[in-house]
Amino acid sequence: MDKVKGKVVGIGVGPGDPELITVKAARILSTADVICVPKAHADTPSVALGMIKEILKERTILPHVLNLIFPMTKDNGELQRAWTKNAEIVAQRAMKGETVAFITLGDPMFYSTFVYLCHSIKAKFPEVPLEIVPGVTSLTACAASCKLPLAEQD
């Protein structure tokens, strides 16, 4: 089997303040071939995409933006079909040699849509490299905003 030249990168874009995007996230977003935008419905705007608009404006070559629908439902069959379909779309782009950045609010591994996509890609496309770029979570942003320590000493 040939080695996959592209990769999928789950990127946390922070809690809502574009200045809280990490340097690493900004670097990858400034060069990624594809930006995946998770949405509950096709016609709803993406807060995560709005967070990175300044980074995208600075690019000379714009990435392809893929709007991926992840329905907000408790219907397990519908959810599984969405995860499978979106994992295939994302993995195919990486297998073409593209860097595919999947943006998510907060952190990709903390109550994020990316977690389910990551599981699906690992199960169905284990040859596709995955990278995770953590983001500032709302939990830590709230604590900073309130000047309230989350933990100290004992």
N, C-alpha and C. Protein backbone atom coordinates (compact mmCIF):
# COMPACT_ATOMS: atom_id res chain seq x y z
N MET A 1 0.83 -1.18 0.00
CA MET A 1 0.00 0.00 0.00
C MET A 1 0.88 1.24 0.00
N ASP A 2 0.55 2.20 -0.88
CA ASP A 2 1.31 3.45 -0.94
C ASP A 2 1.03 4.30 0.30
N LYS A 3 2.05 5.03 0.71
CA LYS A 3 1.88 5.94 1.84
C LYS A 3 1.06 7.14 1.40
N VAL A 4 0.10 7.53 2.22
CA VAL A 4 -0.73 8.70 1.94
C VAL A 4 0.11 9.95 2.12
N LYS A 5 0.09 10.83 1.13
CA LYS A 5 0.91 12.04 1.18
C LYS A 5 0.22 13.19 1.91
N GLY A 6 -1.11 13.19 1.92
CA GLY A 6 -1.85 14.24 2.61
C GLY A 6 -2.11 13.86 4.05
N LYS A 7 -2.91 14.69 4.72
CA LYS A 7 -3.26 14.40 6.11
C LYS A 7 -4.52 15.16 6.49
N VAL A 8 -5.13 14.73 7.58
CA VAL A 8 -6.29 15.39 8.15
C VAL A 8 -5.83 15.99 9.47
N VAL A 9 -6.11 17.28 9.65
CA VAL A 9 -5.71 17.97 10.87
C VAL A 9 -6.96 18.53 11.55
N GLY A 10 -7.24 18.05 12.75
CA GLY A 10 -8.32 18.61 13.56
C GLY A 10 -7.78 19.83 14.27
N ILE A 11 -8.39 20.99 14.02
CA ILE A 11 -7.86 22.24 14.57
C ILE A 11 -8.89 22.92 15.45
N GLY A 12 -8.54 23.13 16.71
CA GLY A 12 -9.36 23.92 17.61
C GLY A 12 -9.08 25.39 17.35
N VAL A 13 -10.15 26.14 17.05
CA VAL A 13 -9.97 27.57 16.75
C VAL A 13 -10.32 28.46 17.94
N GLY A 14 -10.49 27.85 19.10
CA GLY A 14 -10.70 28.63 20.32
C GLY A 14 -12.15 28.90 20.65
N PRO A 15 -12.36 29.67 21.71
CA PRO A 15 -13.70 29.85 22.27
C PRO A 15 -14.53 30.98 21.66
N GLY A 16 -14.03 31.64 20.65
CA GLY A 16 -14.83 32.70 20.02
C GLY A 16 -14.07 33.99 19.77
N ASP A 17 -12.90 34.12 20.33
CA ASP A 17 -12.06 35.30 20.13
C ASP A 17 -10.96 34.92 19.14
N PRO A 18 -10.94 35.53 17.93
CA PRO A 18 -9.92 35.17 16.94
C PRO A 18 -8.48 35.34 17.43
N GLU A 19 -8.27 36.16 18.46
CA GLU A 19 -6.92 36.33 18.99
C GLU A 19 -6.48 35.14 19.85
N LEU A 20 -7.40 34.23 20.14
CA LEU A 20 -7.06 33.05 20.94
C LEU A 20 -6.77 31.82 20.10
N ILE A 21 -6.62 31.99 18.79
CA ILE A 21 -6.21 30.89 17.92
C ILE A 21 -4.71 30.71 18.10
N THR A 22 -4.27 29.46 18.25
CA THR A 22 -2.84 29.22 18.48
C THR A 22 -2.02 29.54 17.24
N VAL A 23 -0.75 29.78 17.45
CA VAL A 23 0.18 30.06 16.36
C VAL A 23 0.23 28.86 15.40
N LYS A 24 0.25 27.66 15.95
CA LYS A 24 0.30 26.46 15.11
C LYS A 24 -0.97 26.33 14.27
N ALA A 25 -2.12 26.58 14.87
CA ALA A 25 -3.38 26.52 14.11
C ALA A 25 -3.36 27.54 12.98
N ALA A 26 -2.95 28.76 13.26
CA ALA A 26 -2.90 29.81 12.24
C ALA A 26 -1.94 29.43 11.11
N ARG A 27 -0.81 28.82 11.46
CA ARG A 27 0.17 28.42 10.44
C ARG A 27 -0.43 27.37 9.51
N ILE A 28 -1.07 26.37 10.08
CA ILE A 28 -1.65 25.31 9.25
C ILE A 28 -2.80 25.85 8.41
N LEU A 29 -3.63 26.70 9.00
CA LEU A 29 -4.76 27.28 8.26
C LEU A 29 -4.29 28.19 7.13
N SER A 30 -3.10 28.74 7.26
CA SER A 30 -2.59 29.64 6.21
C SER A 30 -2.07 28.88 4.99
N THR A 31 -1.95 27.54 5.11
CA THR A 31 -1.43 26.76 3.98
C THR A 31 -2.29 25.55 3.60
N ALA A 32 -3.28 25.21 4.41
CA ALA A 32 -4.09 24.01 4.14
C ALA A 32 -4.77 24.10 2.78
N ASP A 33 -4.86 22.97 2.11
CA ASP A 33 -5.52 22.91 0.81
C ASP A 33 -7.03 22.97 0.94
N VAL A 34 -7.53 22.36 2.01
CA VAL A 34 -8.98 22.24 2.22
C VAL A 34 -9.29 22.62 3.66
N ILE A 35 -10.37 23.39 3.84
CA ILE A 35 -10.88 23.70 5.16
C ILE A 35 -12.25 23.04 5.28
N CYS A 36 -12.39 22.15 6.25
CA CYS A 36 -13.68 21.49 6.49
C CYS A 36 -14.42 22.24 7.57
N VAL A 37 -15.67 22.57 7.27
CA VAL A 37 -16.50 23.35 8.18
C VAL A 37 -17.69 22.49 8.60
N PRO A 38 -17.73 22.06 9.87
CA PRO A 38 -18.87 21.27 10.32
C PRO A 38 -20.09 22.17 10.56
N LYS A 39 -21.25 21.69 10.10
CA LYS A 39 -22.49 22.44 10.27
C LYS A 39 -23.62 21.48 10.61
N ALA A 40 -24.58 21.96 11.38
CA ALA A 40 -25.76 21.15 11.70
C ALA A 40 -26.75 21.15 10.54
N HIS A 41 -26.79 22.25 9.80
CA HIS A 41 -27.69 22.40 8.65
C HIS A 41 -26.94 23.14 7.55
N ALA A 42 -27.25 22.86 6.32
CA ALA A 42 -26.57 23.48 5.18
C ALA A 42 -26.70 25.00 5.17
N ASP A 43 -27.83 25.52 5.65
CA ASP A 43 -28.09 26.95 5.54
C ASP A 43 -27.71 27.75 6.79
N THR A 44 -27.06 27.13 7.76
CA THR A 44 -26.65 27.87 8.96
C THR A 44 -25.21 28.34 8.81
N PRO A 45 -24.93 29.56 9.28
CA PRO A 45 -23.54 30.05 9.21
C PRO A 45 -22.66 29.32 10.21
N SER A 46 -21.38 29.33 9.96
CA SER A 46 -20.42 28.67 10.84
C SER A 46 -19.65 29.70 11.66
N VAL A 47 -19.76 29.60 12.98
CA VAL A 47 -19.01 30.48 13.87
C VAL A 47 -17.51 30.19 13.71
N ALA A 48 -17.16 28.91 13.60
CA ALA A 48 -15.75 28.52 13.46
C ALA A 48 -15.14 29.12 12.21
N LEU A 49 -15.89 29.14 11.10
CA LEU A 49 -15.36 29.73 9.86
C LEU A 49 -15.18 31.23 10.04
N GLY A 50 -16.10 31.87 10.72
CA GLY A 50 -15.96 33.30 11.00
C GLY A 50 -14.72 33.61 11.81
N MET A 51 -14.33 32.68 12.67
CA MET A 51 -13.15 32.88 13.52
C MET A 51 -11.86 32.95 12.72
N ILE A 52 -11.83 32.30 11.55
CA ILE A 52 -10.57 32.23 10.80
C ILE A 52 -10.58 33.12 9.56
N LYS A 53 -11.60 33.96 9.39
CA LYS A 53 -11.71 34.75 8.16
C LYS A 53 -10.51 35.66 7.93
N GLU A 54 -9.92 36.21 8.98
CA GLU A 54 -8.75 37.08 8.80
C GLU A 54 -7.55 36.28 8.31
N ILE A 55 -7.40 35.06 8.79
CA ILE A 55 -6.30 34.20 8.33
C ILE A 55 -6.49 33.89 6.86
N LEU A 56 -7.73 33.57 6.46
CA LEU A 56 -8.00 33.24 5.06
C LEU A 56 -7.84 34.45 4.16
N LYS A 57 -8.18 35.64 4.65
CA LYS A 57 -8.05 36.87 3.84
C LYS A 57 -6.60 37.15 3.46
N GLU A 58 -5.67 36.72 4.29
CA GLU A 58 -4.25 36.97 4.04
C GLU A 58 -3.64 36.00 3.03
N ARG A 59 -4.36 34.97 2.67
CA ARG A 59 -3.83 33.97 1.75
C ARG A 59 -3.89 34.46 0.31
N THR A 60 -2.87 34.11 -0.47
CA THR A 60 -2.90 34.44 -1.90
C THR A 60 -3.67 33.38 -2.68
N ILE A 61 -3.59 32.14 -2.23
CA ILE A 61 -4.36 31.05 -2.83
C ILE A 61 -5.37 30.57 -1.78
N LEU A 62 -6.65 30.74 -2.09
CA LEU A 62 -7.67 30.35 -1.14
C LEU A 62 -7.85 28.83 -1.11
N PRO A 63 -8.13 28.28 0.06
CA PRO A 63 -8.37 26.85 0.15
C PRO A 63 -9.77 26.52 -0.36
N HIS A 64 -9.98 25.26 -0.65
CA HIS A 64 -11.33 24.79 -0.96
C HIS A 64 -12.04 24.65 0.38
N VAL A 65 -13.24 25.22 0.51
CA VAL A 65 -14.01 25.11 1.75
C VAL A 65 -15.08 24.04 1.56
N LEU A 66 -15.02 23.03 2.40
CA LEU A 66 -15.99 21.94 2.38
C LEU A 66 -16.95 22.09 3.56
N ASN A 67 -18.21 22.35 3.28
CA ASN A 67 -19.22 22.38 4.33
C ASN A 67 -19.71 20.96 4.54
N LEU A 68 -19.50 20.44 5.72
CA LEU A 68 -19.91 19.07 6.04
C LEU A 68 -21.08 19.11 7.02
N ILE A 69 -22.14 18.40 6.68
CA ILE A 69 -23.32 18.41 7.52
C ILE A 69 -23.25 17.27 8.54
N PHE A 70 -23.35 17.64 9.80
CA PHE A 70 -23.41 16.71 10.92
C PHE A 70 -24.72 17.01 11.64
N PRO A 71 -25.78 16.25 11.33
CA PRO A 71 -27.09 16.58 11.89
C PRO A 71 -27.13 16.47 13.41
N MET A 72 -27.87 17.36 14.03
CA MET A 72 -28.07 17.32 15.48
C MET A 72 -29.32 16.48 15.72
N THR A 73 -29.11 15.19 15.91
CA THR A 73 -30.20 14.26 16.09
C THR A 73 -29.78 13.15 17.05
N LYS A 74 -30.74 12.48 17.59
CA LYS A 74 -30.45 11.32 18.44
C LYS A 74 -30.66 10.02 17.67
N ASP A 75 -30.99 10.14 16.38
CA ASP A 75 -31.17 8.97 15.52
C ASP A 75 -29.80 8.39 15.19
N ASN A 76 -29.46 7.28 15.85
CA ASN A 76 -28.12 6.70 15.71
C ASN A 76 -27.80 6.31 14.28
N GLY A 77 -28.78 5.79 13.54
CA GLY A 77 -28.54 5.41 12.15
C GLY A 77 -28.19 6.61 11.30
N GLU A 78 -28.92 7.71 11.48
CA GLU A 78 -28.65 8.93 10.72
C GLU A 78 -27.27 9.49 11.08
N LEU A 79 -26.91 9.43 12.35
CA LEU A 79 -25.59 9.91 12.77
C LEU A 79 -24.48 9.06 12.15
N GLN A 80 -24.64 7.74 12.19
CA GLN A 80 -23.62 6.86 11.62
C GLN A 80 -23.44 7.10 10.13
N ARG A 81 -24.54 7.30 9.42
CA ARG A 81 -24.44 7.59 7.98
C ARG A 81 -23.69 8.89 7.73
N ALA A 82 -23.97 9.90 8.55
CA ALA A 82 -23.28 11.20 8.40
C ALA A 82 -21.79 11.06 8.69
N TRP A 83 -21.43 10.34 9.78
CA TRP A 83 -20.01 10.17 10.12
C TRP A 83 -19.29 9.44 8.99
N THR A 84 -19.91 8.37 8.49
CA THR A 84 -19.29 7.57 7.44
C THR A 84 -19.11 8.38 6.17
N LYS A 85 -20.15 9.06 5.75
CA LYS A 85 -20.09 9.87 4.52
C LYS A 85 -19.03 10.96 4.64
N ASN A 86 -19.03 11.69 5.75
CA ASN A 86 -18.07 12.79 5.92
C ASN A 86 -16.64 12.28 6.07
N ALA A 87 -16.46 11.15 6.74
CA ALA A 87 -15.12 10.56 6.86
C ALA A 87 -14.59 10.20 5.48
N GLU A 88 -15.44 9.66 4.63
CA GLU A 88 -15.03 9.29 3.28
C GLU A 88 -14.64 10.54 2.47
N ILE A 89 -15.44 11.58 2.56
CA ILE A 89 -15.14 12.83 1.83
C ILE A 89 -13.79 13.39 2.26
N VAL A 90 -13.59 13.46 3.57
CA VAL A 90 -12.35 14.03 4.12
C VAL A 90 -11.15 13.14 3.79
N ALA A 91 -11.28 11.84 3.99
CA ALA A 91 -10.17 10.91 3.73
C ALA A 91 -9.77 10.92 2.26
N GLN A 92 -10.75 10.99 1.35
CA GLN A 92 -10.44 11.02 -0.08
C GLN A 92 -9.57 12.22 -0.42
N ARG A 93 -9.84 13.36 0.18
CA ARG A 93 -9.03 14.56 -0.09
C ARG A 93 -7.60 14.35 0.41
N ALA A 94 -7.45 13.78 1.60
CA ALA A 94 -6.11 13.53 2.13
C ALA A 94 -5.37 12.51 1.27
N MET A 95 -6.09 11.50 0.76
CA MET A 95 -5.45 10.48 -0.07
C MET A 95 -5.02 11.05 -1.42
N LYS A 96 -5.57 12.19 -1.82
CA LYS A 96 -5.12 12.89 -3.03
C LYS A 96 -3.85 13.68 -2.77
N GLY A 97 -3.40 13.70 -1.50
CA GLY A 97 -2.18 14.43 -1.16
C GLY A 97 -2.43 15.79 -0.56
N GLU A 98 -3.68 16.08 -0.22
CA GLU A 98 -4.01 17.41 0.30
C GLU A 98 -3.95 17.44 1.83
N THR A 99 -3.64 18.61 2.37
CA THR A 99 -3.75 18.85 3.80
C THR A 99 -5.17 19.36 4.04
N VAL A 100 -5.91 18.61 4.84
CA VAL A 100 -7.32 18.90 5.10
C VAL A 100 -7.45 19.34 6.55
N ALA A 101 -7.80 20.60 6.75
CA ALA A 101 -7.97 21.14 8.10
C ALA A 101 -9.44 21.14 8.47
N PHE A 102 -9.77 20.46 9.55
CA PHE A 102 -11.14 20.39 10.05
C PHE A 102 -11.21 21.32 11.25
N ILE A 103 -11.93 22.45 11.10
CA ILE A 103 -11.97 23.44 12.17
C ILE A 103 -13.14 23.16 13.12
N THR A 104 -12.89 23.44 14.37
CA THR A 104 -13.92 23.27 15.39
C THR A 104 -13.71 24.29 16.49
N LEU A 105 -14.81 24.76 17.05
CA LEU A 105 -14.71 25.69 18.18
C LEU A 105 -14.05 24.99 19.36
N GLY A 106 -13.37 25.76 20.18
CA GLY A 106 -12.71 25.19 21.35
C GLY A 106 -11.59 24.25 20.97
N ASP A 107 -11.66 23.04 21.47
CA ASP A 107 -10.62 22.04 21.25
C ASP A 107 -11.21 20.84 20.52
N PRO A 108 -10.50 20.28 19.53
CA PRO A 108 -11.07 19.18 18.75
C PRO A 108 -11.32 17.90 19.53
N MET A 109 -10.75 17.76 20.72
CA MET A 109 -10.93 16.53 21.48
C MET A 109 -11.78 16.75 22.74
N PHE A 110 -12.48 17.89 22.81
CA PHE A 110 -13.30 18.20 23.98
C PHE A 110 -14.71 18.54 23.52
N TYR A 111 -15.61 17.58 23.59
CA TYR A 111 -17.00 17.73 23.15
C TYR A 111 -17.09 18.30 21.73
N SER A 112 -16.37 17.73 20.82
CA SER A 112 -16.29 18.27 19.47
C SER A 112 -16.79 17.28 18.42
N THR A 113 -17.33 17.82 17.35
CA THR A 113 -17.72 17.03 16.19
C THR A 113 -16.52 16.25 15.66
N PHE A 114 -15.34 16.81 15.79
CA PHE A 114 -14.15 16.17 15.25
C PHE A 114 -13.90 14.79 15.87
N VAL A 115 -14.26 14.62 17.13
CA VAL A 115 -14.02 13.34 17.80
C VAL A 115 -14.64 12.19 17.00
N TYR A 116 -15.88 12.37 16.57
CA TYR A 116 -16.59 11.31 15.85
C TYR A 116 -16.01 11.11 14.45
N LEU A 117 -15.63 12.20 13.80
CA LEU A 117 -14.99 12.09 12.50
C LEU A 117 -13.65 11.36 12.63
N CYS A 118 -12.91 11.69 13.65
CA CYS A 118 -11.62 11.06 13.92
C CYS A 118 -11.79 9.55 14.10
N HIS A 119 -12.77 9.13 14.90
CA HIS A 119 -13.04 7.70 15.10
C HIS A 119 -13.35 7.03 13.76
N SER A 120 -14.18 7.66 12.95
CA SER A 120 -14.58 7.08 11.66
C SER A 120 -13.39 6.96 10.70
N ILE A 121 -12.56 7.97 10.65
CA ILE A 121 -11.39 7.92 9.77
C ILE A 121 -10.43 6.83 10.24
N LYS A 122 -10.18 6.77 11.54
CA LYS A 122 -9.27 5.74 12.07
C LYS A 122 -9.78 4.34 11.77
N ALA A 123 -11.09 4.14 11.85
CA ALA A 123 -11.67 2.81 11.62
C ALA A 123 -11.70 2.44 10.14
N LYS A 124 -12.06 3.37 9.28
CA LYS A 124 -12.28 3.04 7.86
C LYS A 124 -11.10 3.41 6.96
N PHE A 125 -10.27 4.34 7.39
CA PHE A 125 -9.14 4.79 6.58
C PHE A 125 -7.88 4.90 7.47
N PRO A 126 -7.43 3.79 8.04
CA PRO A 126 -6.31 3.86 8.98
C PRO A 126 -5.01 4.36 8.35
N GLU A 127 -4.93 4.32 7.03
CA GLU A 127 -3.72 4.79 6.34
C GLU A 127 -3.62 6.31 6.27
N VAL A 128 -4.71 7.01 6.58
CA VAL A 128 -4.72 8.47 6.50
C VAL A 128 -4.14 9.06 7.79
N PRO A 129 -3.06 9.82 7.66
CA PRO A 129 -2.47 10.43 8.85
C PRO A 129 -3.41 11.46 9.48
N LEU A 130 -3.49 11.42 10.80
CA LEU A 130 -4.29 12.37 11.56
C LEU A 130 -3.38 13.18 12.47
N GLU A 131 -3.67 14.46 12.57
CA GLU A 131 -2.94 15.35 13.48
C GLU A 131 -3.99 16.15 14.23
N ILE A 132 -3.71 16.45 15.48
CA ILE A 132 -4.63 17.24 16.30
C ILE A 132 -3.89 18.48 16.78
N VAL A 133 -4.52 19.65 16.56
CA VAL A 133 -3.98 20.91 17.08
C VAL A 133 -4.95 21.40 18.14
N PRO A 134 -4.55 21.31 19.42
CA PRO A 134 -5.47 21.71 20.47
C PRO A 134 -5.81 23.19 20.41
N GLY A 135 -6.94 23.51 20.99
CA GLY A 135 -7.38 24.90 21.03
C GLY A 135 -7.74 25.31 22.44
N VAL A 136 -7.88 26.59 22.63
CA VAL A 136 -8.31 27.12 23.92
C VAL A 136 -9.79 26.76 24.09
N THR A 137 -10.13 26.15 25.20
CA THR A 137 -11.52 25.75 25.44
C THR A 137 -12.30 26.88 26.12
N SER A 138 -13.62 26.81 26.02
CA SER A 138 -14.45 27.80 26.70
C SER A 138 -14.25 27.71 28.21
N LEU A 139 -13.98 26.51 28.70
CA LEU A 139 -13.75 26.32 30.13
C LEU A 139 -12.59 27.19 30.63
N THR A 140 -11.47 27.13 29.93
CA THR A 140 -10.32 27.92 30.36
C THR A 140 -10.47 29.39 30.01
N ALA A 141 -11.16 29.69 28.91
CA ALA A 141 -11.40 31.09 28.54
C ALA A 141 -12.31 31.76 29.56
N CYS A 142 -13.33 31.07 30.04
CA CYS A 142 -14.23 31.62 31.06
C CYS A 142 -13.48 31.89 32.36
N ALA A 143 -12.66 30.94 32.76
CA ALA A 143 -11.88 31.12 33.99
C ALA A 143 -10.97 32.34 33.87
N ALA A 144 -10.33 32.50 32.72
CA ALA A 144 -9.44 33.65 32.51
C ALA A 144 -10.24 34.95 32.53
N SER A 145 -11.38 34.95 31.88
CA SER A 145 -12.22 36.14 31.81
C SER A 145 -12.71 36.57 33.20
N CYS A 146 -13.03 35.59 34.04
CA CYS A 146 -13.52 35.87 35.39
C CYS A 146 -12.40 36.03 36.41
N LYS A 147 -11.17 35.78 35.95
CA LYS A 147 -10.00 35.79 36.83
C LYS A 147 -10.21 34.83 38.00
N LEU A 148 -10.75 33.66 37.67
CA LEU A 148 -11.08 32.64 38.65
C LEU A 148 -10.24 31.40 38.40
N PRO A 149 -9.33 31.05 39.32
CA PRO A 149 -8.51 29.86 39.11
C PRO A 149 -9.38 28.60 39.05
N LEU A 150 -9.04 27.69 38.16
CA LEU A 150 -9.73 26.41 38.08
C LEU A 150 -9.18 25.42 39.11
N ALA A 151 -7.94 25.58 39.47
CA ALA A 151 -7.31 24.72 40.45
C ALA A 151 -6.12 25.45 41.05
N GLU A 152 -5.91 25.21 42.34
CA GLU A 152 -4.73 25.75 42.99
C GLU A 152 -4.38 24.89 44.20
N GLN A 153 -3.14 24.73 44.46
CA GLN A 153 -2.61 23.91 45.54
C GLN A 153 -3.41 22.63 45.74
N ASP A 154 -4.06 22.50 46.89
CA ASP A 154 -4.76 21.26 47.22
C ASP A 154 -6.14 21.24 46.60
